Amino acid sequence: MKTIGNLIWFLFGGLWMGLGWTLVGLVWCISIIGIPVGIQCFKFARLAFFPFGKVIIYGGGAPSLLCNILWLIFGGFALAISAAIHGLIFCITIVGIPFGMQCFKFARLALTPFGSDVAVCA
């Protein structure tokens, strides 16, 4: 079931969301200081392409909080708004609710990506 969900997701929104994360990652990688942020973006871009069957584990400490604040100012807020709008559009229909919930998962992730990790469900 998750394979079908991932395929439908990729065709109707995952491609654009993954490309958004990739674009932000490329912008961060322009400077040497931003490379760790860009690598984090690339990790979540892979998740954005095929999110079904995966969960996000939130955690972190003071360094993660500092990075999340900088991230929110320099790119995270736009990705969170985009994901939330996509989630609202998907949730208009009953069939789209699982896809909308994935978008809301990414909206939260776009606000606090540092200290977060991706785990595969069994």
N, C-alpha and C. Protein backbone atom coordinates (compact mmCIF):
# COMPACT_ATOMS: atom_id res chain seq x y z
N MET A 1 0.81 -1.19 0.00
CA MET A 1 0.00 0.00 0.00
C MET A 1 0.87 1.27 0.00
N LYS A 2 2.00 1.20 0.74
CA LYS A 2 2.84 2.39 0.77
C LYS A 2 3.49 2.66 -0.58
N THR A 3 3.71 1.61 -1.39
CA THR A 3 4.26 1.81 -2.72
C THR A 3 3.29 2.58 -3.60
N ILE A 4 2.02 2.20 -3.54
CA ILE A 4 1.01 2.92 -4.32
C ILE A 4 0.88 4.36 -3.82
N GLY A 5 0.88 4.53 -2.49
CA GLY A 5 0.82 5.88 -1.92
C GLY A 5 2.00 6.73 -2.35
N ASN A 6 3.19 6.15 -2.34
CA ASN A 6 4.39 6.89 -2.76
C ASN A 6 4.34 7.26 -4.23
N LEU A 7 3.83 6.36 -5.05
CA LEU A 7 3.73 6.65 -6.48
C LEU A 7 2.75 7.79 -6.75
N ILE A 8 1.57 7.71 -6.12
CA ILE A 8 0.58 8.78 -6.30
C ILE A 8 1.12 10.09 -5.73
N TRP A 9 1.76 10.01 -4.57
CA TRP A 9 2.34 11.20 -3.95
C TRP A 9 3.35 11.86 -4.87
N PHE A 10 4.25 11.05 -5.45
CA PHE A 10 5.28 11.59 -6.31
C PHE A 10 4.67 12.32 -7.50
N LEU A 11 3.63 11.76 -8.08
CA LEU A 11 3.01 12.36 -9.26
C LEU A 11 2.22 13.63 -8.95
N PHE A 12 1.59 13.70 -7.77
CA PHE A 12 0.70 14.82 -7.48
C PHE A 12 1.21 15.79 -6.44
N GLY A 13 2.48 15.83 -6.17
CA GLY A 13 2.97 16.83 -5.23
C GLY A 13 4.37 16.58 -4.71
N GLY A 14 4.76 15.31 -4.62
CA GLY A 14 6.07 14.99 -4.06
C GLY A 14 7.22 15.47 -4.92
N LEU A 15 7.02 15.44 -6.23
CA LEU A 15 8.07 15.92 -7.13
C LEU A 15 8.38 17.38 -6.85
N TRP A 16 7.34 18.20 -6.76
CA TRP A 16 7.55 19.64 -6.55
C TRP A 16 8.09 19.94 -5.16
N MET A 17 7.60 19.21 -4.16
CA MET A 17 8.10 19.44 -2.80
C MET A 17 9.56 19.01 -2.69
N GLY A 18 9.92 17.89 -3.29
CA GLY A 18 11.31 17.43 -3.28
C GLY A 18 12.23 18.39 -4.02
N LEU A 19 11.74 18.91 -5.14
CA LEU A 19 12.55 19.89 -5.88
C LEU A 19 12.71 21.18 -5.09
N GLY A 20 11.70 21.55 -4.31
CA GLY A 20 11.81 22.75 -3.45
C GLY A 20 12.90 22.57 -2.40
N TRP A 21 12.91 21.40 -1.74
CA TRP A 21 13.95 21.13 -0.76
C TRP A 21 15.33 21.10 -1.43
N THR A 22 15.40 20.53 -2.63
CA THR A 22 16.67 20.46 -3.34
C THR A 22 17.17 21.86 -3.72
N LEU A 23 16.27 22.70 -4.18
CA LEU A 23 16.64 24.08 -4.53
C LEU A 23 17.17 24.84 -3.33
N VAL A 24 16.48 24.73 -2.20
CA VAL A 24 16.95 25.41 -0.99
C VAL A 24 18.31 24.84 -0.56
N GLY A 25 18.49 23.53 -0.70
CA GLY A 25 19.78 22.92 -0.37
C GLY A 25 20.91 23.43 -1.25
N LEU A 26 20.62 23.59 -2.54
CA LEU A 26 21.64 24.12 -3.45
C LEU A 26 22.00 25.56 -3.10
N VAL A 27 21.01 26.35 -2.73
CA VAL A 27 21.29 27.75 -2.35
C VAL A 27 22.16 27.79 -1.10
N TRP A 28 21.85 26.93 -0.12
CA TRP A 28 22.67 26.89 1.09
C TRP A 28 24.09 26.42 0.80
N CYS A 29 24.27 25.53 -0.16
CA CYS A 29 25.60 24.98 -0.45
C CYS A 29 26.49 25.94 -1.21
N ILE A 30 26.00 27.10 -1.59
CA ILE A 30 26.83 28.08 -2.28
C ILE A 30 27.98 28.52 -1.39
N SER A 31 27.69 28.71 -0.10
CA SER A 31 28.77 29.10 0.81
C SER A 31 29.26 27.88 1.58
N ILE A 32 30.49 27.94 2.02
CA ILE A 32 31.07 26.82 2.76
C ILE A 32 30.36 26.65 4.10
N ILE A 33 29.99 27.74 4.72
CA ILE A 33 29.32 27.69 6.02
C ILE A 33 27.96 27.01 5.91
N GLY A 34 27.29 27.16 4.77
CA GLY A 34 25.96 26.62 4.61
C GLY A 34 25.90 25.17 4.15
N ILE A 35 27.03 24.52 3.93
CA ILE A 35 27.03 23.15 3.43
C ILE A 35 26.33 22.17 4.38
N PRO A 36 26.52 22.25 5.69
CA PRO A 36 25.77 21.33 6.57
C PRO A 36 24.25 21.51 6.45
N VAL A 37 23.83 22.74 6.28
CA VAL A 37 22.40 23.01 6.11
C VAL A 37 21.92 22.43 4.78
N GLY A 38 22.71 22.59 3.75
CA GLY A 38 22.36 22.05 2.44
C GLY A 38 22.27 20.53 2.46
N ILE A 39 23.17 19.88 3.16
CA ILE A 39 23.13 18.43 3.27
C ILE A 39 21.86 17.98 3.98
N GLN A 40 21.46 18.72 5.01
CA GLN A 40 20.21 18.41 5.72
C GLN A 40 19.02 18.56 4.77
N CYS A 41 19.05 19.58 3.93
CA CYS A 41 17.97 19.78 2.95
C CYS A 41 17.91 18.63 1.94
N PHE A 42 19.06 18.15 1.50
CA PHE A 42 19.08 17.04 0.56
C PHE A 42 18.53 15.77 1.19
N LYS A 43 18.80 15.57 2.48
CA LYS A 43 18.28 14.40 3.18
C LYS A 43 16.75 14.45 3.20
N PHE A 44 16.20 15.62 3.47
CA PHE A 44 14.74 15.73 3.52
C PHE A 44 14.12 15.82 2.13
N ALA A 45 14.90 16.17 1.12
CA ALA A 45 14.39 16.12 -0.26
C ALA A 45 14.12 14.68 -0.65
N ARG A 46 15.03 13.77 -0.27
CA ARG A 46 14.77 12.35 -0.54
C ARG A 46 13.50 11.88 0.14
N LEU A 47 13.27 12.36 1.35
CA LEU A 47 12.05 12.01 2.07
C LEU A 47 10.83 12.60 1.38
N ALA A 48 10.96 13.81 0.86
CA ALA A 48 9.82 14.47 0.22
C ALA A 48 9.38 13.76 -1.06
N PHE A 49 10.29 13.11 -1.73
CA PHE A 49 9.91 12.38 -2.94
C PHE A 49 9.05 11.17 -2.61
N PHE A 50 9.37 10.42 -1.56
CA PHE A 50 8.65 9.19 -1.21
C PHE A 50 8.46 9.11 0.31
N PRO A 51 7.44 9.79 0.90
CA PRO A 51 7.33 9.87 2.36
C PRO A 51 6.56 8.72 3.03
N PHE A 52 5.74 7.99 2.29
CA PHE A 52 4.93 6.97 2.94
C PHE A 52 5.81 5.82 3.42
N GLY A 53 5.53 5.34 4.65
CA GLY A 53 6.34 4.30 5.25
C GLY A 53 7.51 4.82 6.03
N LYS A 54 7.58 6.13 6.21
CA LYS A 54 8.67 6.74 6.98
C LYS A 54 8.08 7.70 8.01
N VAL A 55 8.75 7.80 9.15
CA VAL A 55 8.34 8.72 10.20
C VAL A 55 9.52 9.64 10.54
N ILE A 56 9.19 10.78 11.11
CA ILE A 56 10.21 11.75 11.51
C ILE A 56 10.29 11.75 13.03
N ILE A 57 11.49 11.61 13.53
CA ILE A 57 11.73 11.63 14.96
C ILE A 57 12.35 12.98 15.30
N TYR A 58 11.66 13.74 16.15
CA TYR A 58 12.13 15.08 16.52
C TYR A 58 12.94 15.00 17.80
N GLY A 59 14.00 15.78 17.86
CA GLY A 59 14.87 15.82 19.03
C GLY A 59 15.86 16.95 18.87
N GLY A 60 16.95 16.88 19.58
CA GLY A 60 17.99 17.90 19.45
C GLY A 60 18.16 18.69 20.72
N GLY A 61 19.16 19.56 20.71
CA GLY A 61 19.47 20.36 21.87
C GLY A 61 19.69 21.81 21.49
N ALA A 62 20.58 22.47 22.22
CA ALA A 62 20.83 23.89 22.00
C ALA A 62 21.41 24.19 20.61
N PRO A 63 22.38 23.41 20.11
CA PRO A 63 22.87 23.70 18.75
C PRO A 63 21.77 23.56 17.69
N SER A 64 20.91 22.56 17.87
CA SER A 64 19.81 22.38 16.92
C SER A 64 18.85 23.55 16.98
N LEU A 65 18.60 24.07 18.18
CA LEU A 65 17.71 25.22 18.33
C LEU A 65 18.27 26.44 17.61
N LEU A 66 19.55 26.68 17.76
CA LEU A 66 20.18 27.82 17.09
C LEU A 66 20.10 27.66 15.57
N CYS A 67 20.42 26.47 15.08
CA CYS A 67 20.34 26.23 13.63
C CYS A 67 18.90 26.34 13.13
N ASN A 68 17.93 25.86 13.91
CA ASN A 68 16.53 25.97 13.50
C ASN A 68 16.07 27.42 13.42
N ILE A 69 16.53 28.27 14.33
CA ILE A 69 16.16 29.68 14.28
C ILE A 69 16.74 30.33 13.03
N LEU A 70 18.01 30.07 12.75
CA LEU A 70 18.61 30.61 11.52
C LEU A 70 17.92 30.06 10.28
N TRP A 71 17.61 28.76 10.31
CA TRP A 71 16.93 28.11 9.19
C TRP A 71 15.56 28.76 8.95
N LEU A 72 14.83 29.01 10.01
CA LEU A 72 13.49 29.59 9.88
C LEU A 72 13.55 30.96 9.21
N ILE A 73 14.56 31.74 9.55
CA ILE A 73 14.70 33.07 8.96
C ILE A 73 15.11 33.00 7.50
N PHE A 74 16.00 32.07 7.17
CA PHE A 74 16.60 32.06 5.83
C PHE A 74 16.06 30.99 4.89
N GLY A 75 14.86 30.51 5.05
CA GLY A 75 14.31 29.59 4.06
C GLY A 75 13.25 28.65 4.56
N GLY A 76 13.22 28.34 5.83
CA GLY A 76 12.28 27.36 6.34
C GLY A 76 10.84 27.83 6.34
N PHE A 77 10.63 29.11 6.60
CA PHE A 77 9.27 29.62 6.67
C PHE A 77 8.55 29.49 5.33
N ALA A 78 9.23 29.78 4.24
CA ALA A 78 8.62 29.67 2.91
C ALA A 78 8.25 28.23 2.58
N LEU A 79 9.12 27.28 2.92
CA LEU A 79 8.82 25.87 2.68
C LEU A 79 7.66 25.39 3.55
N ALA A 80 7.58 25.88 4.79
CA ALA A 80 6.48 25.49 5.67
C ALA A 80 5.15 26.02 5.16
N ILE A 81 5.11 27.25 4.71
CA ILE A 81 3.88 27.81 4.17
C ILE A 81 3.45 27.05 2.92
N SER A 82 4.39 26.75 2.06
CA SER A 82 4.10 26.01 0.84
C SER A 82 3.52 24.63 1.16
N ALA A 83 4.13 23.91 2.09
CA ALA A 83 3.64 22.58 2.45
C ALA A 83 2.26 22.66 3.10
N ALA A 84 2.03 23.66 3.94
CA ALA A 84 0.72 23.81 4.59
C ALA A 84 -0.38 24.12 3.56
N ILE A 85 -0.08 24.94 2.59
CA ILE A 85 -1.07 25.26 1.55
C ILE A 85 -1.37 24.01 0.73
N HIS A 86 -0.35 23.25 0.37
CA HIS A 86 -0.57 22.00 -0.35
C HIS A 86 -1.42 21.04 0.48
N GLY A 87 -1.15 20.98 1.78
CA GLY A 87 -1.93 20.11 2.66
C GLY A 87 -3.39 20.49 2.72
N LEU A 88 -3.66 21.79 2.77
CA LEU A 88 -5.05 22.24 2.77
C LEU A 88 -5.76 21.90 1.47
N ILE A 89 -5.05 22.05 0.37
CA ILE A 89 -5.64 21.72 -0.93
C ILE A 89 -5.92 20.22 -1.02
N PHE A 90 -5.00 19.40 -0.57
CA PHE A 90 -5.22 17.95 -0.60
C PHE A 90 -6.38 17.53 0.30
N CYS A 91 -6.56 18.19 1.44
CA CYS A 91 -7.58 17.79 2.40
C CYS A 91 -9.00 18.22 2.00
N ILE A 92 -9.16 18.86 0.86
CA ILE A 92 -10.50 19.24 0.41
C ILE A 92 -11.33 17.98 0.13
N THR A 93 -10.72 16.95 -0.40
CA THR A 93 -11.43 15.71 -0.68
C THR A 93 -11.05 14.64 0.33
N ILE A 94 -11.91 13.67 0.51
CA ILE A 94 -11.63 12.58 1.44
C ILE A 94 -10.45 11.74 0.95
N VAL A 95 -10.37 11.53 -0.34
CA VAL A 95 -9.28 10.73 -0.91
C VAL A 95 -7.93 11.41 -0.69
N GLY A 96 -7.91 12.73 -0.65
CA GLY A 96 -6.66 13.46 -0.52
C GLY A 96 -6.17 13.64 0.90
N ILE A 97 -6.95 13.22 1.91
CA ILE A 97 -6.56 13.45 3.30
C ILE A 97 -5.22 12.80 3.66
N PRO A 98 -4.93 11.54 3.26
CA PRO A 98 -3.60 11.00 3.60
C PRO A 98 -2.45 11.81 3.00
N PHE A 99 -2.68 12.36 1.82
CA PHE A 99 -1.64 13.17 1.19
C PHE A 99 -1.52 14.52 1.88
N GLY A 100 -2.65 15.07 2.31
CA GLY A 100 -2.62 16.31 3.07
C GLY A 100 -1.88 16.15 4.39
N MET A 101 -2.06 14.99 5.03
CA MET A 101 -1.36 14.74 6.29
C MET A 101 0.15 14.65 6.07
N GLN A 102 0.57 14.10 4.93
CA GLN A 102 2.00 14.09 4.61
C GLN A 102 2.52 15.52 4.44
N CYS A 103 1.71 16.36 3.81
CA CYS A 103 2.12 17.77 3.62
C CYS A 103 2.27 18.47 4.96
N PHE A 104 1.35 18.19 5.89
CA PHE A 104 1.45 18.82 7.20
C PHE A 104 2.68 18.30 7.95
N LYS A 105 3.05 17.04 7.72
CA LYS A 105 4.27 16.50 8.31
C LYS A 105 5.48 17.28 7.79
N PHE A 106 5.47 17.59 6.51
CA PHE A 106 6.58 18.36 5.94
C PHE A 106 6.55 19.82 6.39
N ALA A 107 5.37 20.37 6.63
CA ALA A 107 5.30 21.75 7.12
C ALA A 107 5.97 21.84 8.50
N ARG A 108 5.70 20.87 9.35
CA ARG A 108 6.35 20.88 10.67
C ARG A 108 7.86 20.66 10.52
N LEU A 109 8.23 19.76 9.63
CA LEU A 109 9.64 19.50 9.40
C LEU A 109 10.35 20.73 8.85
N ALA A 110 9.67 21.50 8.01
CA ALA A 110 10.27 22.70 7.44
C ALA A 110 10.51 23.76 8.51
N LEU A 111 9.80 23.70 9.61
CA LEU A 111 10.02 24.65 10.70
C LEU A 111 11.18 24.23 11.59
N THR A 112 11.38 22.93 11.78
CA THR A 112 12.43 22.45 12.68
C THR A 112 13.16 21.24 12.08
N PRO A 113 13.98 21.43 11.06
CA PRO A 113 14.65 20.29 10.45
C PRO A 113 15.87 19.79 11.23
N PHE A 114 16.48 20.64 12.02
CA PHE A 114 17.70 20.23 12.72
C PHE A 114 17.33 19.53 14.03
N GLY A 115 18.00 18.43 14.27
CA GLY A 115 17.66 17.59 15.42
C GLY A 115 16.60 16.58 15.05
N SER A 116 16.13 16.60 13.81
CA SER A 116 15.12 15.65 13.34
C SER A 116 15.81 14.55 12.54
N ASP A 117 15.24 13.36 12.62
CA ASP A 117 15.81 12.24 11.89
C ASP A 117 14.68 11.45 11.25
N VAL A 118 14.98 10.76 10.16
CA VAL A 118 13.99 9.98 9.41
C VAL A 118 14.18 8.52 9.75
N ALA A 119 13.08 7.84 10.10
CA ALA A 119 13.11 6.42 10.39
C ALA A 119 12.11 5.71 9.48
N VAL A 120 12.46 4.51 9.07
CA VAL A 120 11.60 3.71 8.21
C VAL A 120 10.71 2.84 9.09
N CYS A 121 9.40 2.86 8.81
CA CYS A 121 8.47 2.00 9.54
C CYS A 121 8.62 0.56 9.07
N ALA A 122 8.40 -0.34 9.98
CA ALA A 122 8.51 -1.76 9.63
C ALA A 122 7.28 -2.27 8.93
